């Protein structure tokens, strides 16, 4: 079981490191550029509003959501592996579940950040096109 634990800890470290390095534009995971209709828009005010909206989005803790996904995935994977096989199958399934769960948790958190930025900009009167 210690081999499983050390494998999971290494996997969690890799997923968390990856999520920290892949923050993308603005450090919150939104697309490289949000496209708005710029007709009649004061771009200096827009960039300030965009920065404010990005700060709201940063309240979603991507690392925490990723960790939760890793743990949930590992547990589900281990249970499924134990049901259909032996302890080795359970260990492999837990590892695979941890990876998939971490990716899913990370993606879910980043999607929520993106939604926050878009809603915030729309709320401030911008026509968000993408």
C-alpha atoms as a PDB file:
ATOM      1  CA  UNK A   1       0.000   0.000   0.000  1.00  0.00           C
ATOM      2  CA  UNK A   2       2.945   2.357   0.574  1.00  0.00           C
ATOM      3  CA  UNK A   3       3.856   1.949  -3.095  1.00  0.00           C
ATOM      4  CA  UNK A   4       0.349   3.094  -4.015  1.00  0.00           C
ATOM      5  CA  UNK A   5       0.561   6.033  -1.619  1.00  0.00           C
ATOM      6  CA  UNK A   6       3.930   7.174  -2.951  1.00  0.00           C
ATOM      7  CA  UNK A   7       2.684   6.833  -6.539  1.00  0.00           C
ATOM      8  CA  UNK A   8      -0.396   8.870  -5.745  1.00  0.00           C
ATOM      9  CA  UNK A   9       1.650  11.563  -4.008  1.00  0.00           C
ATOM     10  CA  UNK A  10       3.949  11.824  -7.013  1.00  0.00           C
ATOM     11  CA  UNK A  11       0.944  11.987  -9.314  1.00  0.00           C
ATOM     12  CA  UNK A  12      -0.689  14.698  -7.226  1.00  0.00           C
ATOM     13  CA  UNK A  13       2.549  16.696  -7.281  1.00  0.00           C
ATOM     14  CA  UNK A  14       2.764  16.447 -11.060  1.00  0.00           C
ATOM     15  CA  UNK A  15      -0.844  17.493 -11.561  1.00  0.00           C
ATOM     16  CA  UNK A  16      -0.526  20.425  -9.151  1.00  0.00           C
ATOM     17  CA  UNK A  17       2.738  21.557 -10.720  1.00  0.00           C
ATOM     18  CA  UNK A  18       1.151  21.385 -14.146  1.00  0.00           C
ATOM     19  CA  UNK A  19      -1.882  23.360 -13.027  1.00  0.00           C
ATOM     20  CA  UNK A  20       0.341  26.031 -11.559  1.00  0.00           C
ATOM     21  CA  UNK A  21       2.444  26.337 -14.697  1.00  0.00           C
ATOM     22  CA  UNK A  22      -0.444  26.394 -17.138  1.00  0.00           C
ATOM     23  CA  UNK A  23      -2.272  29.382 -15.760  1.00  0.00           C
ATOM     24  CA  UNK A  24      -2.625  30.989 -19.157  1.00  0.00           C
ATOM     25  CA  UNK A  25      -3.663  34.578 -19.833  1.00  0.00           C
ATOM     26  CA  UNK A  26      -4.192  36.629 -16.713  1.00  0.00           C
ATOM     27  CA  UNK A  27      -3.181  33.755 -14.456  1.00  0.00           C
ATOM     28  CA  UNK A  28      -6.700  32.416 -14.150  1.00  0.00           C
ATOM     29  CA  UNK A  29      -7.131  30.137 -17.126  1.00  0.00           C
ATOM     30  CA  UNK A  30      -9.285  32.223 -19.476  1.00  0.00           C
ATOM     31  CA  UNK A  31      -8.708  32.136 -23.211  1.00  0.00           C
ATOM     32  CA  UNK A  32      -5.740  34.043 -24.585  1.00  0.00           C
ATOM     33  CA  UNK A  33      -8.020  36.907 -25.526  1.00  0.00           C
ATOM     34  CA  UNK A  34     -11.612  37.754 -24.785  1.00  0.00           C
ATOM     35  CA  UNK A  35     -13.177  39.340 -27.831  1.00  0.00           C
ATOM     36  CA  UNK A  36     -15.583  42.220 -27.339  1.00  0.00           C
ATOM     37  CA  UNK A  37     -17.347  44.576 -29.695  1.00  0.00           C
ATOM     38  CA  UNK A  38     -15.050  47.600 -29.410  1.00  0.00           C
ATOM     39  CA  UNK A  39     -17.304  50.103 -31.134  1.00  0.00           C
ATOM     40  CA  UNK A  40     -17.738  53.048 -28.772  1.00  0.00           C
ATOM     41  CA  UNK A  41     -15.647  51.410 -26.047  1.00  0.00           C
ATOM     42  CA  UNK A  42     -12.997  53.314 -24.077  1.00  0.00           C
ATOM     43  CA  UNK A  43     -10.236  50.703 -24.237  1.00  0.00           C
ATOM     44  CA  UNK A  44      -8.412  52.058 -21.178  1.00  0.00           C
ATOM     45  CA  UNK A  45     -11.576  51.572 -19.130  1.00  0.00           C
ATOM     46  CA  UNK A  46     -12.060  48.117 -20.680  1.00  0.00           C
ATOM     47  CA  UNK A  47      -8.589  46.953 -19.669  1.00  0.00           C
ATOM     48  CA  UNK A  48      -9.193  48.151 -16.117  1.00  0.00           C
ATOM     49  CA  UNK A  49     -12.551  46.356 -16.039  1.00  0.00           C
ATOM     50  CA  UNK A  50     -10.944  43.214 -17.484  1.00  0.00           C
ATOM     51  CA  UNK A  51      -8.297  43.278 -14.748  1.00  0.00           C
ATOM     52  CA  UNK A  52     -11.014  43.686 -12.105  1.00  0.00           C
ATOM     53  CA  UNK A  53     -12.989  40.775 -13.560  1.00  0.00           C
ATOM     54  CA  UNK A  54      -9.858  38.588 -13.664  1.00  0.00           C
ATOM     55  CA  UNK A  55      -9.298  39.335  -9.985  1.00  0.00           C
ATOM     56  CA  UNK A  56     -12.804  38.086  -9.213  1.00  0.00           C
ATOM     57  CA  UNK A  57     -12.069  34.920 -11.184  1.00  0.00           C
ATOM     58  CA  UNK A  58      -8.921  34.280  -9.152  1.00  0.00           C
ATOM     59  CA  UNK A  59     -11.156  33.615  -6.149  1.00  0.00           C
ATOM     60  CA  UNK A  60     -11.742  30.158  -7.646  1.00  0.00           C
ATOM     61  CA  UNK A  61      -8.888  28.062  -6.228  1.00  0.00           C
ATOM     62  CA  UNK A  62      -7.760  25.936  -9.177  1.00  0.00           C
ATOM     63  CA  UNK A  63      -5.155  24.032  -7.153  1.00  0.00           C
ATOM     64  CA  UNK A  64      -7.710  23.075  -4.515  1.00  0.00           C
ATOM     65  CA  UNK A  65     -10.235  21.942  -7.123  1.00  0.00           C
ATOM     66  CA  UNK A  66      -7.494  19.919  -8.821  1.00  0.00           C
ATOM     67  CA  UNK A  67      -6.516  18.247  -5.535  1.00  0.00           C
ATOM     68  CA  UNK A  68     -10.128  17.384  -4.803  1.00  0.00           C
ATOM     69  CA  UNK A  69     -10.450  15.855  -8.262  1.00  0.00           C
ATOM     70  CA  UNK A  70      -7.292  13.791  -7.748  1.00  0.00           C
ATOM     71  CA  UNK A  71      -8.562  12.385  -4.459  1.00  0.00           C
ATOM     72  CA  UNK A  72     -12.062  11.682  -5.782  1.00  0.00           C
ATOM     73  CA  UNK A  73     -10.668  10.035  -8.913  1.00  0.00           C
ATOM     74  CA  UNK A  74      -8.245   7.894  -6.934  1.00  0.00           C
ATOM     75  CA  UNK A  75     -10.968   6.665  -4.596  1.00  0.00           C
ATOM     76  CA  UNK A  76     -13.384   5.837  -7.400  1.00  0.00           C
ATOM     77  CA  UNK A  77     -10.624   4.189  -9.435  1.00  0.00           C
ATOM     78  CA  UNK A  78      -9.478   2.091  -6.482  1.00  0.00           C
ATOM     79  CA  UNK A  79     -13.000   0.927  -5.709  1.00  0.00           C
ATOM     80  CA  UNK A  80     -13.673  -0.032  -9.319  1.00  0.00           C
ATOM     81  CA  UNK A  81     -10.299  -1.760  -9.568  1.00  0.00           C
ATOM     82  CA  UNK A  82     -10.935  -3.700  -6.368  1.00  0.00           C
ATOM     83  CA  UNK A  83     -14.357  -4.807  -7.566  1.00  0.00           C
ATOM     84  CA  UNK A  84     -13.197  -6.047 -10.967  1.00  0.00           C
ATOM     85  CA  UNK A  85      -9.753  -7.336 -10.035  1.00  0.00           C
ATOM     86  CA  UNK A  86      -7.185  -7.710  -7.298  1.00  0.00           C
ATOM     87  CA  UNK A  87      -5.063  -5.247  -5.295  1.00  0.00           C
ATOM     88  CA  UNK A  88      -2.759  -4.613  -8.281  1.00  0.00           C
ATOM     89  CA  UNK A  89      -5.727  -3.727 -10.451  1.00  0.00           C
ATOM     90  CA  UNK A  90      -7.005  -1.475  -7.679  1.00  0.00           C
ATOM     91  CA  UNK A  91      -3.635   0.331  -7.503  1.00  0.00           C
ATOM     92  CA  UNK A  92      -3.476   0.891 -11.256  1.00  0.00           C
ATOM     93  CA  UNK A  93      -7.100   1.999 -11.358  1.00  0.00           C
ATOM     94  CA  UNK A  94      -6.512   4.395  -8.482  1.00  0.00           C
ATOM     95  CA  UNK A  95      -3.606   5.977 -10.354  1.00  0.00           C
ATOM     96  CA  UNK A  96      -5.592   6.328 -13.551  1.00  0.00           C
ATOM     97  CA  UNK A  97      -8.564   7.675 -11.628  1.00  0.00           C
ATOM     98  CA  UNK A  98      -6.348  10.205  -9.870  1.00  0.00           C
ATOM     99  CA  UNK A  99      -5.041  11.556 -13.175  1.00  0.00           C
ATOM    100  CA  UNK A 100      -8.479  11.743 -14.752  1.00  0.00           C
ATOM    101  CA  UNK A 101     -10.017  13.244 -11.624  1.00  0.00           C
ATOM    102  CA  UNK A 102      -7.289  15.869 -11.369  1.00  0.00           C
ATOM    103  CA  UNK A 103      -7.678  16.876 -14.993  1.00  0.00           C
ATOM    104  CA  UNK A 104     -11.449  17.049 -14.617  1.00  0.00           C
ATOM    105  CA  UNK A 105     -11.236  19.138 -11.426  1.00  0.00           C
ATOM    106  CA  UNK A 106      -8.724  21.502 -13.020  1.00  0.00           C
ATOM    107  CA  UNK A 107     -10.810  21.907 -16.170  1.00  0.00           C
ATOM    108  CA  UNK A 108     -13.986  22.502 -14.158  1.00  0.00           C
ATOM    109  CA  UNK A 109     -12.315  25.240 -12.074  1.00  0.00           C
ATOM    110  CA  UNK A 110     -10.819  26.985 -15.110  1.00  0.00           C
ATOM    111  CA  UNK A 111     -14.148  26.878 -16.919  1.00  0.00           C
ATOM    112  CA  UNK A 112     -15.798  28.517 -13.920  1.00  0.00           C
ATOM    113  CA  UNK A 113     -13.116  31.232 -13.912  1.00  0.00           C
ATOM    114  CA  UNK A 114     -13.769  31.895 -17.579  1.00  0.00           C
ATOM    115  CA  UNK A 115     -17.511  32.127 -16.957  1.00  0.00           C
ATOM    116  CA  UNK A 116     -16.920  34.605 -14.134  1.00  0.00           C
ATOM    117  CA  UNK A 117     -14.837  36.900 -16.353  1.00  0.00           C
ATOM    118  CA  UNK A 118     -17.386  36.805 -19.161  1.00  0.00           C
ATOM    119  CA  UNK A 119     -20.355  37.446 -16.826  1.00  0.00           C
ATOM    120  CA  UNK A 120     -18.458  40.243 -15.110  1.00  0.00           C
ATOM    121  CA  UNK A 121     -17.665  41.973 -18.409  1.00  0.00           C
ATOM    122  CA  UNK A 122     -21.249  41.585 -19.622  1.00  0.00           C
ATOM    123  CA  UNK A 123     -22.431  42.992 -16.314  1.00  0.00           C
ATOM    124  CA  UNK A 124     -20.266  46.037 -16.913  1.00  0.00           C
ATOM    125  CA  UNK A 125     -21.946  46.609 -20.258  1.00  0.00           C
ATOM    126  CA  UNK A 126     -19.522  45.011 -22.718  1.00  0.00           C
ATOM    127  CA  UNK A 127     -20.697  42.896 -25.617  1.00  0.00           C
ATOM    128  CA  UNK A 128     -18.590  39.730 -25.263  1.00  0.00           C
ATOM    129  CA  UNK A 129     -18.396  37.953 -28.623  1.00  0.00           C
ATOM    130  CA  UNK A 130     -16.584  34.719 -27.747  1.00  0.00           C
END
